[in-house]
């Protein structure tokens, strides 16, 4: 059963130049991938396919 509440927007992927390239841990991209995983978990919990949602939004 799908949850009909609106699906929140996925996190915005940082631009390559937003990374300082110093090997930070965590890197800005680590934060992005963690946020994307949490978003996908939420979308799946609401009964939707995260990849299909991203494709429908032109982000996948």
Protein backbone atom coordinates (compact mmCIF):
# COMPACT_ATOMS: atom_id res chain seq x y z
CA UNK A 1 0.00 0.00 0.00
CA UNK A 2 1.35 3.41 -0.91
CA UNK A 3 1.26 6.41 1.35
CA UNK A 4 -0.34 9.32 -0.51
CA UNK A 5 1.49 12.06 1.39
CA UNK A 6 3.75 14.17 -0.83
CA UNK A 7 7.23 12.76 -1.29
CA UNK A 8 9.88 15.21 -0.10
CA UNK A 9 12.48 16.40 -2.56
CA UNK A 10 15.66 14.36 -2.60
CA UNK A 11 18.81 16.03 -1.31
CA UNK A 12 20.67 18.19 -3.80
CA UNK A 13 23.90 16.69 -5.07
CA UNK A 14 26.86 18.98 -4.47
CA UNK A 15 28.66 20.33 -7.50
CA UNK A 16 32.15 18.89 -8.03
CA UNK A 17 33.74 22.25 -7.22
CA UNK A 18 32.04 22.27 -3.80
CA UNK A 19 34.49 19.58 -2.67
CA UNK A 20 37.83 20.94 -1.50
CA UNK A 21 39.69 17.79 -2.69
CA UNK A 22 41.66 17.59 0.58
CA UNK A 23 40.44 14.14 1.51
CA UNK A 24 38.15 15.35 4.27
CA UNK A 25 36.39 12.70 6.28
CA UNK A 26 33.54 13.17 6.12
CA UNK A 27 33.46 14.90 2.76
CA UNK A 28 30.52 16.98 1.54
CA UNK A 29 29.72 14.02 -0.73
CA UNK A 30 29.62 11.66 2.27
CA UNK A 31 26.91 13.87 3.76
CA UNK A 32 25.06 13.83 0.44
CA UNK A 33 25.18 10.03 0.07
CA UNK A 34 24.01 9.60 3.69
CA UNK A 35 21.12 12.01 3.11
CA UNK A 36 20.22 10.25 -0.15
CA UNK A 37 20.15 6.88 1.66
CA UNK A 38 17.81 8.33 4.32
CA UNK A 39 15.59 9.83 1.60
CA UNK A 40 15.41 6.49 -0.25
CA UNK A 41 14.49 4.70 2.98
CA UNK A 42 11.66 7.19 3.57
CA UNK A 43 10.37 6.85 0.00
CA UNK A 44 10.43 3.04 0.25
CA UNK A 45 8.65 3.18 3.63
CA UNK A 46 5.87 5.14 1.91
CA UNK A 47 5.54 2.38 -0.69
CA UNK A 48 7.26 4.04 -3.63
CA UNK A 49 10.31 3.15 -5.73
CA UNK A 50 13.03 5.77 -5.08
CA UNK A 51 14.67 5.25 -8.48
CA UNK A 52 11.33 5.74 -10.26
CA UNK A 53 10.71 8.91 -8.25
CA UNK A 54 14.15 10.25 -9.21
CA UNK A 55 13.56 9.42 -12.89
CA UNK A 56 10.15 11.11 -12.82
CA UNK A 57 11.80 14.23 -11.41
CA UNK A 58 14.52 14.09 -14.07
CA UNK A 59 17.19 13.38 -11.47
CA UNK A 60 17.80 9.69 -12.01
